[in-house]
Amino acid sequence: MIEDEFEFKLPKGFVDDCGDLHDRGLMKLLTAKDELTVQKLANANPQIDIVFLLLAQAIAKLGNLNKVIPQQLEQLFLPDFFYLQDLFSELQPQNVNAAGEL
């Protein structure tokens, strides 16, 4: 079975409107369907950067949040944002050949 979700812990953590800290989460591997969803969202919301849309789609859980939205990710401390970008790049490499090899 392929592992498709990966646990992470943010360096600082996201603090929601209620003051709750969310610093542990799950990032999933994106599917072709996820990519199509992100493209549709990007077309419908050109003011939101594609990076936030991709990360929101990839984060399966953050603390007790079962769905993360781009506007929440925009509020992350920079160390957390950079951490998630690095994790995303590590888990979802862009340079894969037709055989699925890096």
N, C-alpha and C. Protein backbone atom coordinates (compact mmCIF):
# COMPACT_ATOMS: atom_id res chain seq x y z
N MET A 1 0.84 -1.19 0.00
CA MET A 1 0.00 0.00 0.00
C MET A 1 0.89 1.25 0.00
N ILE A 2 0.51 2.23 -0.74
CA ILE A 2 1.27 3.47 -0.86
C ILE A 2 0.89 4.40 0.30
N GLU A 3 1.91 4.94 0.93
CA GLU A 3 1.67 5.94 1.98
C GLU A 3 1.33 7.25 1.28
N ASP A 4 0.14 7.79 1.59
CA ASP A 4 -0.28 9.01 0.89
C ASP A 4 -0.55 10.18 1.83
N GLU A 5 -0.36 10.00 3.14
CA GLU A 5 -0.48 11.09 4.10
C GLU A 5 0.74 11.08 5.02
N PHE A 6 1.23 12.27 5.32
CA PHE A 6 2.45 12.40 6.10
C PHE A 6 2.24 13.41 7.21
N GLU A 7 2.61 13.02 8.43
CA GLU A 7 2.47 13.89 9.58
C GLU A 7 3.54 14.98 9.55
N PHE A 8 3.18 16.14 10.10
CA PHE A 8 4.15 17.22 10.25
C PHE A 8 3.86 18.00 11.52
N LYS A 9 4.86 18.76 11.95
CA LYS A 9 4.72 19.67 13.08
C LYS A 9 5.31 21.01 12.67
N LEU A 10 4.50 22.05 12.71
CA LEU A 10 4.96 23.38 12.34
C LEU A 10 5.90 23.94 13.40
N PRO A 11 6.88 24.73 12.98
CA PRO A 11 7.81 25.34 13.93
C PRO A 11 7.12 26.26 14.95
N LYS A 12 6.16 27.02 14.51
CA LYS A 12 5.45 27.97 15.39
C LYS A 12 4.00 27.55 15.63
N GLY A 13 3.27 27.32 14.55
CA GLY A 13 1.86 26.93 14.64
C GLY A 13 0.92 28.05 14.23
N PHE A 14 -0.25 27.65 13.76
CA PHE A 14 -1.29 28.57 13.35
C PHE A 14 -2.20 28.84 14.53
N VAL A 15 -2.46 30.11 14.83
CA VAL A 15 -3.37 30.50 15.90
C VAL A 15 -4.66 30.99 15.25
N ASP A 16 -5.77 30.31 15.54
CA ASP A 16 -7.04 30.68 14.92
C ASP A 16 -7.69 31.86 15.65
N ASP A 17 -8.87 32.26 15.18
CA ASP A 17 -9.57 33.42 15.73
C ASP A 17 -9.95 33.23 17.20
N CYS A 18 -10.06 31.98 17.66
CA CYS A 18 -10.41 31.69 19.06
C CYS A 18 -9.17 31.62 19.95
N GLY A 19 -7.98 31.77 19.34
CA GLY A 19 -6.75 31.69 20.10
C GLY A 19 -6.19 30.30 20.24
N ASP A 20 -6.80 29.32 19.56
CA ASP A 20 -6.31 27.94 19.63
C ASP A 20 -5.10 27.77 18.71
N LEU A 21 -4.11 27.02 19.21
CA LEU A 21 -2.89 26.75 18.45
C LEU A 21 -3.04 25.44 17.70
N HIS A 22 -2.72 25.48 16.41
CA HIS A 22 -2.75 24.29 15.55
C HIS A 22 -1.35 24.13 14.98
N ASP A 23 -0.61 23.13 15.45
CA ASP A 23 0.77 23.00 14.98
C ASP A 23 1.10 21.61 14.44
N ARG A 24 0.21 20.65 14.60
CA ARG A 24 0.43 19.32 14.05
C ARG A 24 -0.60 19.05 12.96
N GLY A 25 -0.14 18.37 11.91
CA GLY A 25 -1.08 18.13 10.82
C GLY A 25 -0.67 16.98 9.94
N LEU A 26 -1.45 16.83 8.88
CA LEU A 26 -1.22 15.80 7.87
C LEU A 26 -1.19 16.46 6.50
N MET A 27 -0.20 16.11 5.70
CA MET A 27 -0.17 16.56 4.31
C MET A 27 -0.31 15.33 3.43
N LYS A 28 -1.17 15.44 2.44
CA LYS A 28 -1.41 14.30 1.56
C LYS A 28 -0.75 14.53 0.20
N LEU A 29 -0.52 13.42 -0.49
CA LEU A 29 -0.07 13.51 -1.87
C LEU A 29 -1.25 13.98 -2.72
N LEU A 30 -1.00 14.91 -3.61
CA LEU A 30 -2.06 15.40 -4.48
C LEU A 30 -2.31 14.44 -5.63
N THR A 31 -3.56 14.38 -6.04
CA THR A 31 -3.96 13.58 -7.18
C THR A 31 -4.22 14.51 -8.38
N ALA A 32 -4.46 13.92 -9.51
CA ALA A 32 -4.81 14.71 -10.70
C ALA A 32 -6.10 15.49 -10.44
N LYS A 33 -7.03 14.88 -9.72
CA LYS A 33 -8.29 15.57 -9.38
C LYS A 33 -8.02 16.79 -8.51
N ASP A 34 -7.10 16.65 -7.55
CA ASP A 34 -6.72 17.80 -6.72
C ASP A 34 -6.17 18.93 -7.57
N GLU A 35 -5.33 18.58 -8.53
CA GLU A 35 -4.74 19.59 -9.41
C GLU A 35 -5.82 20.32 -10.20
N LEU A 36 -6.80 19.57 -10.70
CA LEU A 36 -7.92 20.21 -11.42
C LEU A 36 -8.72 21.13 -10.51
N THR A 37 -8.92 20.70 -9.28
CA THR A 37 -9.64 21.53 -8.30
C THR A 37 -8.89 22.83 -8.06
N VAL A 38 -7.58 22.74 -7.90
CA VAL A 38 -6.76 23.94 -7.68
C VAL A 38 -6.84 24.87 -8.89
N GLN A 39 -6.79 24.32 -10.09
CA GLN A 39 -6.88 25.15 -11.29
C GLN A 39 -8.22 25.88 -11.36
N LYS A 40 -9.31 25.18 -11.03
CA LYS A 40 -10.64 25.81 -11.03
C LYS A 40 -10.71 26.92 -9.99
N LEU A 41 -10.17 26.64 -8.79
CA LEU A 41 -10.17 27.65 -7.73
C LEU A 41 -9.33 28.86 -8.12
N ALA A 42 -8.20 28.62 -8.78
CA ALA A 42 -7.33 29.72 -9.22
C ALA A 42 -8.04 30.60 -10.25
N ASN A 43 -8.77 29.97 -11.14
CA ASN A 43 -9.51 30.74 -12.15
C ASN A 43 -10.64 31.54 -11.53
N ALA A 44 -11.30 30.97 -10.53
CA ALA A 44 -12.42 31.65 -9.87
C ALA A 44 -11.96 32.70 -8.86
N ASN A 45 -10.72 32.55 -8.36
CA ASN A 45 -10.20 33.45 -7.33
C ASN A 45 -8.80 33.94 -7.70
N PRO A 46 -8.69 34.77 -8.74
CA PRO A 46 -7.36 35.18 -9.20
C PRO A 46 -6.58 35.99 -8.17
N GLN A 47 -7.24 36.51 -7.15
CA GLN A 47 -6.54 37.29 -6.13
C GLN A 47 -5.79 36.41 -5.13
N ILE A 48 -6.06 35.10 -5.12
CA ILE A 48 -5.38 34.18 -4.20
C ILE A 48 -4.21 33.53 -4.93
N ASP A 49 -3.03 33.62 -4.35
CA ASP A 49 -1.83 33.04 -4.94
C ASP A 49 -1.96 31.52 -5.04
N ILE A 50 -1.53 30.96 -6.13
CA ILE A 50 -1.63 29.52 -6.39
C ILE A 50 -0.93 28.69 -5.31
N VAL A 51 0.13 29.23 -4.72
CA VAL A 51 0.85 28.49 -3.67
C VAL A 51 -0.09 28.20 -2.49
N PHE A 52 -0.89 29.17 -2.10
CA PHE A 52 -1.82 28.98 -1.00
C PHE A 52 -2.91 27.99 -1.36
N LEU A 53 -3.36 28.02 -2.61
CA LEU A 53 -4.38 27.07 -3.06
C LEU A 53 -3.83 25.64 -3.05
N LEU A 54 -2.60 25.46 -3.53
CA LEU A 54 -1.99 24.14 -3.54
C LEU A 54 -1.79 23.60 -2.13
N LEU A 55 -1.25 24.45 -1.25
CA LEU A 55 -1.03 24.00 0.13
C LEU A 55 -2.35 23.66 0.83
N ALA A 56 -3.37 24.49 0.62
CA ALA A 56 -4.67 24.22 1.24
C ALA A 56 -5.24 22.89 0.76
N GLN A 57 -5.02 22.57 -0.49
CA GLN A 57 -5.50 21.30 -1.05
C GLN A 57 -4.70 20.13 -0.49
N ALA A 58 -3.40 20.34 -0.25
CA ALA A 58 -2.53 19.26 0.20
C ALA A 58 -2.63 18.99 1.70
N ILE A 59 -3.00 20.00 2.49
CA ILE A 59 -3.08 19.80 3.94
C ILE A 59 -4.42 19.15 4.28
N ALA A 60 -4.33 17.89 4.70
CA ALA A 60 -5.54 17.12 5.02
C ALA A 60 -6.08 17.47 6.40
N LYS A 61 -5.21 17.94 7.28
CA LYS A 61 -5.62 18.27 8.64
C LYS A 61 -4.56 19.17 9.26
N LEU A 62 -5.00 20.13 10.06
CA LEU A 62 -4.08 20.98 10.82
C LEU A 62 -4.70 21.19 12.19
N GLY A 63 -4.09 20.58 13.20
CA GLY A 63 -4.68 20.63 14.55
C GLY A 63 -6.05 19.98 14.51
N ASN A 64 -7.06 20.71 15.01
CA ASN A 64 -8.42 20.16 14.93
C ASN A 64 -9.20 20.69 13.73
N LEU A 65 -8.50 21.31 12.79
CA LEU A 65 -9.13 21.79 11.56
C LEU A 65 -9.06 20.68 10.51
N ASN A 66 -10.21 20.22 10.07
CA ASN A 66 -10.25 19.17 9.05
C ASN A 66 -10.15 19.73 7.64
N LYS A 67 -10.30 21.02 7.50
CA LYS A 67 -10.17 21.68 6.20
C LYS A 67 -9.45 23.00 6.43
N VAL A 68 -8.39 23.21 5.68
CA VAL A 68 -7.62 24.45 5.78
C VAL A 68 -7.92 25.26 4.52
N ILE A 69 -8.15 26.55 4.70
CA ILE A 69 -8.44 27.43 3.56
C ILE A 69 -7.25 28.36 3.33
N PRO A 70 -7.09 28.83 2.10
CA PRO A 70 -5.95 29.70 1.77
C PRO A 70 -5.83 30.92 2.69
N GLN A 71 -6.95 31.49 3.09
CA GLN A 71 -6.91 32.67 3.95
C GLN A 71 -6.28 32.36 5.30
N GLN A 72 -6.43 31.13 5.79
CA GLN A 72 -5.77 30.75 7.04
C GLN A 72 -4.27 30.63 6.82
N LEU A 73 -3.88 30.07 5.70
CA LEU A 73 -2.46 29.90 5.40
C LEU A 73 -1.76 31.25 5.23
N GLU A 74 -2.48 32.25 4.76
CA GLU A 74 -1.92 33.58 4.60
C GLU A 74 -1.54 34.19 5.95
N GLN A 75 -2.10 33.66 7.03
CA GLN A 75 -1.85 34.18 8.38
C GLN A 75 -0.72 33.45 9.11
N LEU A 76 -0.11 32.46 8.45
CA LEU A 76 0.98 31.71 9.08
C LEU A 76 2.20 32.59 9.29
N PHE A 77 2.95 32.28 10.34
CA PHE A 77 4.26 32.90 10.51
C PHE A 77 5.15 32.39 9.38
N LEU A 78 6.09 33.22 8.95
CA LEU A 78 6.95 32.84 7.83
C LEU A 78 7.68 31.52 8.02
N PRO A 79 8.22 31.21 9.21
CA PRO A 79 8.88 29.90 9.35
C PRO A 79 7.93 28.73 9.05
N ASP A 80 6.67 28.87 9.42
CA ASP A 80 5.68 27.82 9.15
C ASP A 80 5.37 27.73 7.66
N PHE A 81 5.23 28.88 7.02
CA PHE A 81 4.94 28.91 5.59
C PHE A 81 6.09 28.28 4.80
N PHE A 82 7.33 28.64 5.14
CA PHE A 82 8.48 28.07 4.44
C PHE A 82 8.60 26.57 4.71
N TYR A 83 8.30 26.17 5.94
CA TYR A 83 8.33 24.74 6.28
C TYR A 83 7.34 23.96 5.41
N LEU A 84 6.11 24.48 5.29
CA LEU A 84 5.09 23.80 4.48
C LEU A 84 5.47 23.77 3.00
N GLN A 85 6.05 24.85 2.50
CA GLN A 85 6.50 24.86 1.11
C GLN A 85 7.57 23.80 0.87
N ASP A 86 8.52 23.71 1.79
CA ASP A 86 9.58 22.71 1.66
C ASP A 86 9.02 21.29 1.73
N LEU A 87 8.12 21.05 2.67
CA LEU A 87 7.51 19.73 2.79
C LEU A 87 6.72 19.39 1.53
N PHE A 88 5.96 20.34 1.02
CA PHE A 88 5.20 20.14 -0.21
C PHE A 88 6.12 19.75 -1.36
N SER A 89 7.22 20.48 -1.51
CA SER A 89 8.17 20.20 -2.59
C SER A 89 8.81 18.84 -2.44
N GLU A 90 9.07 18.44 -1.21
CA GLU A 90 9.67 17.13 -0.95
C GLU A 90 8.69 16.00 -1.27
N LEU A 91 7.44 16.18 -0.89
CA LEU A 91 6.44 15.11 -1.06
C LEU A 91 5.87 15.05 -2.48
N GLN A 92 5.85 16.17 -3.18
CA GLN A 92 5.20 16.24 -4.48
C GLN A 92 6.18 16.76 -5.52
N PRO A 93 7.22 15.98 -5.79
CA PRO A 93 8.26 16.45 -6.72
C PRO A 93 7.69 16.73 -8.11
N GLN A 94 8.26 17.75 -8.72
CA GLN A 94 7.80 18.17 -10.05
C GLN A 94 8.60 17.52 -11.18
N ASN A 95 9.80 17.04 -10.88
CA ASN A 95 10.69 16.49 -11.91
C ASN A 95 10.63 14.96 -11.91
N VAL A 96 9.51 14.43 -12.35
CA VAL A 96 9.32 12.97 -12.40
C VAL A 96 9.22 12.56 -13.85
N ASN A 97 9.94 11.47 -14.23
CA ASN A 97 9.87 11.01 -15.62
C ASN A 97 8.64 10.13 -15.82
N ALA A 98 8.43 9.65 -17.03
CA ALA A 98 7.25 8.86 -17.37
C ALA A 98 7.16 7.56 -16.58
N ALA A 99 8.29 7.06 -16.09
CA ALA A 99 8.30 5.82 -15.30
C ALA A 99 8.01 6.11 -13.82
N GLY A 100 7.81 7.39 -13.48
CA GLY A 100 7.52 7.75 -12.10
C GLY A 100 8.76 7.85 -11.24
N GLU A 101 9.93 7.99 -11.87
CA GLU A 101 11.18 8.07 -11.14
C GLU A 101 11.65 9.52 -11.10
N LEU A 102 12.33 9.88 -10.01
CA LEU A 102 12.90 11.22 -9.88
C LEU A 102 14.11 11.37 -10.76
